[in-house]
N, C-alpha and C. Protein backbone atom coordinates (compact mmCIF):
# COMPACT_ATOMS: atom_id res chain seq x y z
N UNK A 1 178.26 -14.88 -58.78
CA UNK A 1 178.05 -13.47 -58.98
C UNK A 1 178.61 -12.73 -57.77
N UNK A 2 179.26 -11.61 -58.04
CA UNK A 2 179.86 -10.84 -56.95
C UNK A 2 178.77 -10.12 -56.15
N UNK A 3 179.14 -9.75 -54.92
CA UNK A 3 178.19 -9.02 -54.07
C UNK A 3 177.80 -7.69 -54.70
N UNK A 4 178.75 -7.03 -55.29
CA UNK A 4 178.49 -5.73 -55.91
C UNK A 4 177.49 -5.88 -57.06
N UNK A 5 177.69 -6.89 -57.86
CA UNK A 5 176.80 -7.12 -58.99
C UNK A 5 175.40 -7.54 -58.53
N UNK A 6 175.33 -8.35 -57.49
CA UNK A 6 174.05 -8.76 -56.92
C UNK A 6 173.31 -7.56 -56.36
N UNK A 7 174.00 -6.68 -55.68
CA UNK A 7 173.39 -5.47 -55.11
C UNK A 7 172.87 -4.57 -56.23
N UNK A 8 173.65 -4.42 -57.29
CA UNK A 8 173.22 -3.58 -58.41
C UNK A 8 171.98 -4.16 -59.07
N UNK A 9 171.93 -5.47 -59.22
CA UNK A 9 170.77 -6.13 -59.81
C UNK A 9 169.53 -5.94 -58.93
N UNK A 10 169.69 -6.07 -57.62
CA UNK A 10 168.56 -5.87 -56.70
C UNK A 10 168.06 -4.43 -56.74
N UNK A 11 168.96 -3.47 -56.82
CA UNK A 11 168.56 -2.06 -56.90
C UNK A 11 167.79 -1.82 -58.20
N UNK A 12 168.26 -2.39 -59.29
CA UNK A 12 167.58 -2.24 -60.58
C UNK A 12 166.19 -2.86 -60.54
N UNK A 13 166.08 -4.05 -59.98
CA UNK A 13 164.78 -4.70 -59.88
C UNK A 13 163.82 -3.92 -58.98
N UNK A 14 164.33 -3.41 -57.88
CA UNK A 14 163.51 -2.62 -56.96
C UNK A 14 163.02 -1.35 -57.65
N UNK A 15 163.89 -0.68 -58.39
CA UNK A 15 163.51 0.53 -59.12
C UNK A 15 162.43 0.21 -60.16
N UNK A 16 162.58 -0.91 -60.86
CA UNK A 16 161.59 -1.31 -61.86
C UNK A 16 160.24 -1.59 -61.21
N UNK A 17 160.24 -2.26 -60.07
CA UNK A 17 158.99 -2.54 -59.36
C UNK A 17 158.33 -1.25 -58.89
N UNK A 18 159.09 -0.31 -58.41
CA UNK A 18 158.53 0.97 -57.96
C UNK A 18 157.91 1.73 -59.13
N UNK A 19 158.56 1.71 -60.28
CA UNK A 19 158.02 2.38 -61.45
C UNK A 19 156.72 1.74 -61.91
N UNK A 20 156.64 0.43 -61.85
CA UNK A 20 155.43 -0.27 -62.27
C UNK A 20 154.26 0.01 -61.33
N UNK A 21 154.55 0.24 -60.06
CA UNK A 21 153.49 0.49 -59.08
C UNK A 21 153.11 1.96 -58.99
N UNK A 22 153.89 2.85 -59.61
CA UNK A 22 153.60 4.28 -59.55
C UNK A 22 152.29 4.56 -60.28
N UNK A 23 151.51 5.53 -59.80
CA UNK A 23 150.26 5.85 -60.50
C UNK A 23 150.54 6.38 -61.90
N UNK A 24 149.74 5.94 -62.83
CA UNK A 24 149.87 6.41 -64.21
C UNK A 24 149.33 7.83 -64.32
N UNK A 25 149.84 8.61 -65.26
CA UNK A 25 149.28 9.94 -65.45
C UNK A 25 147.81 9.84 -65.80
N UNK A 26 147.04 10.84 -65.44
CA UNK A 26 145.59 10.81 -65.67
C UNK A 26 145.24 11.07 -67.12
N UNK A 27 145.04 10.02 -67.89
CA UNK A 27 144.63 10.17 -69.28
C UNK A 27 143.12 10.06 -69.33
N UNK A 28 142.48 11.05 -68.78
CA UNK A 28 141.02 11.02 -68.64
C UNK A 28 140.36 11.81 -69.74
N UNK A 29 139.35 11.25 -70.30
CA UNK A 29 138.46 11.98 -71.20
C UNK A 29 137.26 12.41 -70.37
N UNK A 30 136.67 13.53 -70.70
CA UNK A 30 135.46 13.97 -70.01
C UNK A 30 134.25 13.48 -70.80
N UNK A 31 133.39 12.72 -70.14
CA UNK A 31 132.19 12.20 -70.77
C UNK A 31 130.96 12.76 -70.06
N UNK A 32 129.87 12.96 -70.79
CA UNK A 32 128.66 13.47 -70.15
C UNK A 32 128.16 12.52 -69.06
N UNK A 33 127.76 13.11 -67.95
CA UNK A 33 127.19 12.35 -66.84
C UNK A 33 125.66 12.43 -66.92
N UNK A 34 125.14 13.64 -67.08
CA UNK A 34 123.70 13.84 -67.28
C UNK A 34 123.47 15.21 -67.89
N UNK A 35 122.25 15.45 -68.34
CA UNK A 35 121.95 16.72 -69.00
C UNK A 35 120.54 17.19 -68.66
N UNK A 36 120.32 18.45 -68.91
CA UNK A 36 119.00 19.06 -68.78
C UNK A 36 118.79 19.95 -69.99
N UNK A 37 117.89 19.59 -70.93
CA UNK A 37 116.99 18.45 -70.88
C UNK A 37 117.73 17.14 -71.04
N UNK A 38 117.07 16.07 -70.56
CA UNK A 38 117.66 14.75 -70.65
C UNK A 38 117.71 14.27 -72.10
N UNK A 39 118.62 13.38 -72.38
CA UNK A 39 118.79 12.83 -73.72
C UNK A 39 117.49 12.18 -74.19
N UNK A 40 116.98 12.63 -75.34
CA UNK A 40 115.79 12.05 -75.94
C UNK A 40 114.48 12.40 -75.26
N UNK A 41 114.52 13.24 -74.25
CA UNK A 41 113.32 13.57 -73.47
C UNK A 41 112.36 14.46 -74.26
N UNK A 42 111.06 14.27 -74.04
CA UNK A 42 110.04 15.14 -74.61
C UNK A 42 109.55 16.09 -73.52
N UNK A 43 109.62 17.38 -73.80
CA UNK A 43 109.27 18.42 -72.84
C UNK A 43 107.92 19.03 -73.17
N UNK A 44 107.16 19.39 -72.14
CA UNK A 44 105.90 20.10 -72.33
C UNK A 44 106.14 21.58 -72.62
N UNK A 45 107.18 22.13 -72.01
CA UNK A 45 107.54 23.54 -72.16
C UNK A 45 108.97 23.64 -72.70
N UNK A 46 109.27 24.67 -73.49
CA UNK A 46 110.64 24.82 -74.00
C UNK A 46 111.60 25.15 -72.85
N UNK A 47 112.80 24.59 -72.89
CA UNK A 47 113.79 24.90 -71.85
C UNK A 47 114.41 26.27 -72.12
N UNK A 48 114.91 26.91 -71.08
CA UNK A 48 115.58 28.20 -71.25
C UNK A 48 117.06 28.02 -71.54
N UNK A 49 117.56 26.79 -71.35
CA UNK A 49 118.98 26.51 -71.63
C UNK A 49 119.17 25.01 -71.79
N UNK A 50 120.33 24.65 -72.31
CA UNK A 50 120.78 23.27 -72.32
C UNK A 50 122.01 23.22 -71.42
N UNK A 51 121.99 22.28 -70.48
CA UNK A 51 123.09 22.13 -69.53
C UNK A 51 123.55 20.68 -69.55
N UNK A 52 124.85 20.48 -69.66
CA UNK A 52 125.43 19.13 -69.68
C UNK A 52 126.50 19.07 -68.59
N UNK A 53 126.34 18.12 -67.67
CA UNK A 53 127.33 17.89 -66.63
C UNK A 53 128.23 16.74 -67.06
N UNK A 54 129.53 16.90 -66.89
CA UNK A 54 130.52 15.91 -67.29
C UNK A 54 131.13 15.25 -66.06
N UNK A 55 131.80 14.13 -66.28
CA UNK A 55 132.41 13.40 -65.17
C UNK A 55 133.82 13.88 -64.82
N UNK A 56 134.25 14.96 -65.44
CA UNK A 56 135.55 15.56 -65.13
C UNK A 56 135.54 17.03 -65.50
N UNK A 57 136.53 17.76 -64.99
CA UNK A 57 136.63 19.19 -65.27
C UNK A 57 136.93 19.43 -66.74
N UNK A 58 136.36 20.50 -67.27
CA UNK A 58 136.53 20.86 -68.68
C UNK A 58 137.46 22.05 -68.82
N UNK A 59 138.09 22.13 -69.98
CA UNK A 59 138.90 23.28 -70.35
C UNK A 59 137.97 24.30 -71.01
N UNK A 60 137.68 25.42 -70.34
CA UNK A 60 136.66 26.35 -70.84
C UNK A 60 136.93 26.91 -72.23
N UNK A 61 138.17 27.16 -72.57
CA UNK A 61 138.49 27.79 -73.85
C UNK A 61 138.15 26.89 -75.03
N UNK A 62 138.21 25.58 -74.84
CA UNK A 62 138.06 24.65 -75.96
C UNK A 62 136.79 23.81 -75.93
N UNK A 63 135.91 24.02 -74.96
CA UNK A 63 134.68 23.23 -74.84
C UNK A 63 133.50 24.08 -75.31
N UNK A 64 132.59 23.45 -76.05
CA UNK A 64 131.47 24.21 -76.60
C UNK A 64 130.23 23.33 -76.76
N UNK A 65 129.09 23.99 -76.90
CA UNK A 65 127.82 23.31 -77.13
C UNK A 65 126.95 24.23 -77.97
N UNK A 66 126.18 23.64 -78.90
CA UNK A 66 125.20 24.42 -79.64
C UNK A 66 123.99 23.54 -79.95
N UNK A 67 122.87 24.21 -80.30
CA UNK A 67 121.60 23.51 -80.52
C UNK A 67 121.07 23.88 -81.90
N UNK A 68 120.59 22.85 -82.63
CA UNK A 68 120.01 23.05 -83.96
C UNK A 68 118.58 22.52 -83.98
N UNK A 69 117.76 23.14 -84.82
CA UNK A 69 116.38 22.66 -85.01
C UNK A 69 116.37 21.56 -86.07
N UNK A 70 115.18 21.08 -86.41
CA UNK A 70 115.05 20.00 -87.38
C UNK A 70 115.53 20.35 -88.78
N UNK A 71 115.65 21.66 -89.08
CA UNK A 71 116.17 22.12 -90.37
C UNK A 71 117.66 22.41 -90.33
N UNK A 72 118.31 21.97 -89.28
CA UNK A 72 119.75 22.13 -89.07
C UNK A 72 120.16 23.60 -88.97
N UNK A 73 119.25 24.43 -88.46
CA UNK A 73 119.57 25.84 -88.21
C UNK A 73 119.91 25.99 -86.73
N UNK A 74 120.94 26.74 -86.48
CA UNK A 74 121.34 26.97 -85.09
C UNK A 74 120.30 27.84 -84.40
N UNK A 75 119.86 27.43 -83.19
CA UNK A 75 118.78 28.15 -82.51
C UNK A 75 119.17 28.65 -81.11
N UNK A 76 120.38 28.36 -80.65
CA UNK A 76 120.77 28.83 -79.32
C UNK A 76 121.20 30.29 -79.38
N UNK A 77 121.49 30.88 -78.24
CA UNK A 77 121.86 32.29 -78.17
C UNK A 77 123.36 32.54 -78.42
N UNK A 78 124.13 31.50 -78.68
CA UNK A 78 125.54 31.66 -78.99
C UNK A 78 126.41 32.03 -77.80
N UNK A 79 125.93 31.73 -76.59
CA UNK A 79 126.68 32.09 -75.38
C UNK A 79 127.18 30.87 -74.61
N UNK A 80 127.57 29.83 -75.34
CA UNK A 80 128.05 28.60 -74.70
C UNK A 80 129.24 28.90 -73.79
N UNK A 81 129.25 28.24 -72.63
CA UNK A 81 130.35 28.42 -71.70
C UNK A 81 130.42 27.26 -70.71
N UNK A 82 131.60 27.09 -70.14
CA UNK A 82 131.75 26.25 -68.98
C UNK A 82 131.44 27.14 -67.79
N UNK A 83 130.57 26.67 -66.91
CA UNK A 83 130.17 27.46 -65.74
C UNK A 83 131.40 27.86 -64.92
N UNK A 84 131.57 29.15 -64.62
CA UNK A 84 132.76 29.59 -63.87
C UNK A 84 132.81 29.03 -62.45
N UNK A 85 131.67 28.55 -61.92
CA UNK A 85 131.64 28.01 -60.56
C UNK A 85 131.63 26.48 -60.53
N UNK A 86 131.48 25.86 -61.69
CA UNK A 86 131.43 24.40 -61.78
C UNK A 86 132.10 23.98 -63.09
N UNK A 87 133.36 23.58 -63.03
CA UNK A 87 134.14 23.26 -64.23
C UNK A 87 133.66 21.99 -64.94
N UNK A 88 132.64 21.34 -64.40
CA UNK A 88 132.08 20.14 -65.04
C UNK A 88 130.79 20.43 -65.80
N UNK A 89 130.34 21.68 -65.78
CA UNK A 89 129.06 22.05 -66.39
C UNK A 89 129.28 22.90 -67.63
N UNK A 90 128.76 22.41 -68.76
CA UNK A 90 128.80 23.12 -70.04
C UNK A 90 127.36 23.52 -70.36
N UNK A 91 127.13 24.79 -70.72
CA UNK A 91 125.76 25.25 -70.93
C UNK A 91 125.67 26.29 -72.02
N UNK A 92 124.46 26.41 -72.57
CA UNK A 92 124.14 27.44 -73.56
C UNK A 92 122.68 27.83 -73.34
N UNK A 93 122.37 29.12 -73.46
CA UNK A 93 120.99 29.56 -73.26
C UNK A 93 120.21 29.50 -74.58
N UNK A 94 118.89 29.42 -74.44
CA UNK A 94 118.00 29.29 -75.59
C UNK A 94 116.93 30.37 -75.57
N UNK A 95 116.52 30.85 -76.73
CA UNK A 95 115.34 31.71 -76.79
C UNK A 95 114.10 30.81 -76.65
N UNK A 96 112.92 31.38 -76.54
CA UNK A 96 111.71 30.54 -76.54
C UNK A 96 111.64 29.76 -77.87
N UNK A 97 111.55 28.46 -77.76
CA UNK A 97 111.54 27.60 -78.96
C UNK A 97 110.15 27.05 -79.22
N UNK A 98 109.78 26.91 -80.50
CA UNK A 98 108.49 26.29 -80.84
C UNK A 98 108.58 24.77 -80.70
N UNK A 99 107.45 24.12 -80.82
CA UNK A 99 107.40 22.65 -80.80
C UNK A 99 108.31 22.10 -81.89
N UNK A 100 108.88 20.95 -81.62
CA UNK A 100 109.74 20.33 -82.62
C UNK A 100 110.82 19.48 -81.99
N UNK A 101 111.68 18.97 -82.85
CA UNK A 101 112.82 18.15 -82.43
C UNK A 101 114.08 18.98 -82.58
N UNK A 102 114.92 18.90 -81.57
CA UNK A 102 116.17 19.67 -81.54
C UNK A 102 117.33 18.72 -81.28
N UNK A 103 118.49 19.11 -81.78
CA UNK A 103 119.70 18.32 -81.62
C UNK A 103 120.75 19.17 -80.92
N UNK A 104 121.31 18.63 -79.86
CA UNK A 104 122.38 19.29 -79.10
C UNK A 104 123.71 18.69 -79.56
N UNK A 105 124.65 19.55 -79.94
CA UNK A 105 125.99 19.11 -80.35
C UNK A 105 126.99 19.67 -79.34
N UNK A 106 127.82 18.81 -78.77
CA UNK A 106 128.78 19.26 -77.78
C UNK A 106 130.17 18.75 -78.12
N UNK A 107 131.15 19.49 -77.70
CA UNK A 107 132.55 19.12 -77.82
C UNK A 107 133.22 19.56 -76.53
N UNK A 108 133.81 18.62 -75.83
CA UNK A 108 134.40 18.90 -74.52
C UNK A 108 135.87 18.51 -74.52
N UNK A 109 136.69 19.40 -73.99
CA UNK A 109 138.11 19.10 -73.82
C UNK A 109 138.38 19.02 -72.33
N UNK A 110 138.87 17.87 -71.89
CA UNK A 110 139.21 17.68 -70.49
C UNK A 110 140.46 18.48 -70.16
N UNK A 111 140.69 18.69 -68.88
CA UNK A 111 141.85 19.47 -68.45
C UNK A 111 143.17 18.87 -68.92
N UNK A 112 143.19 17.56 -69.22
CA UNK A 112 144.42 16.94 -69.71
C UNK A 112 144.57 17.06 -71.23
N UNK A 113 143.60 17.74 -71.89
CA UNK A 113 143.71 17.99 -73.33
C UNK A 113 142.98 17.02 -74.22
N UNK A 114 142.38 15.97 -73.67
CA UNK A 114 141.67 15.00 -74.51
C UNK A 114 140.27 15.51 -74.85
N UNK A 115 139.92 15.40 -76.12
CA UNK A 115 138.62 15.88 -76.63
C UNK A 115 137.64 14.71 -76.77
N UNK A 116 136.40 14.95 -76.37
CA UNK A 116 135.29 14.05 -76.67
C UNK A 116 134.19 14.91 -77.28
N UNK A 117 133.36 14.30 -78.08
CA UNK A 117 132.26 15.06 -78.67
C UNK A 117 131.10 14.13 -78.94
N UNK A 118 129.94 14.72 -79.09
CA UNK A 118 128.75 13.92 -79.36
C UNK A 118 127.55 14.81 -79.56
N UNK A 119 126.39 14.18 -79.64
CA UNK A 119 125.14 14.91 -79.81
C UNK A 119 124.01 14.08 -79.23
N UNK A 120 122.91 14.76 -78.98
CA UNK A 120 121.71 14.08 -78.52
C UNK A 120 120.49 14.93 -78.84
N UNK A 121 119.34 14.27 -79.00
CA UNK A 121 118.11 15.00 -79.32
C UNK A 121 117.29 15.27 -78.05
N UNK A 122 116.40 16.25 -78.18
CA UNK A 122 115.29 16.42 -77.25
C UNK A 122 114.11 16.96 -78.07
N UNK A 123 112.93 16.85 -77.52
CA UNK A 123 111.72 17.22 -78.25
C UNK A 123 110.87 18.15 -77.39
N UNK A 124 110.18 19.07 -78.05
CA UNK A 124 109.22 19.95 -77.37
C UNK A 124 107.86 19.66 -77.98
N UNK A 125 106.86 19.40 -77.11
CA UNK A 125 105.49 19.13 -77.59
C UNK A 125 104.89 20.36 -78.24
């Protein structure tokens, strides 16, 4: 093999190795880290809001949360938002709620555009 061809092969191999070692783009989904009220928790007093903290920043325009009662009626105040001071916090306020079981439904879009969604219950004595 000629020197020129050997040099070209080494450059190609080096470039391939560098590409393999380069960091991959962040294909991160945002998943809930914790919430208030906690998942499945029974409360003595009704909460004034539902707050969910995620493990990554959320896209405010596309992330939402709402709360339904046991009859599948929406009971939150309709003001869901990503906190302007904490891009990992999704919240919605609640009116005073009676005793019962409630279901929180959330849909979060991470800054990279990936959507995750889910739900969880909480109970009021």
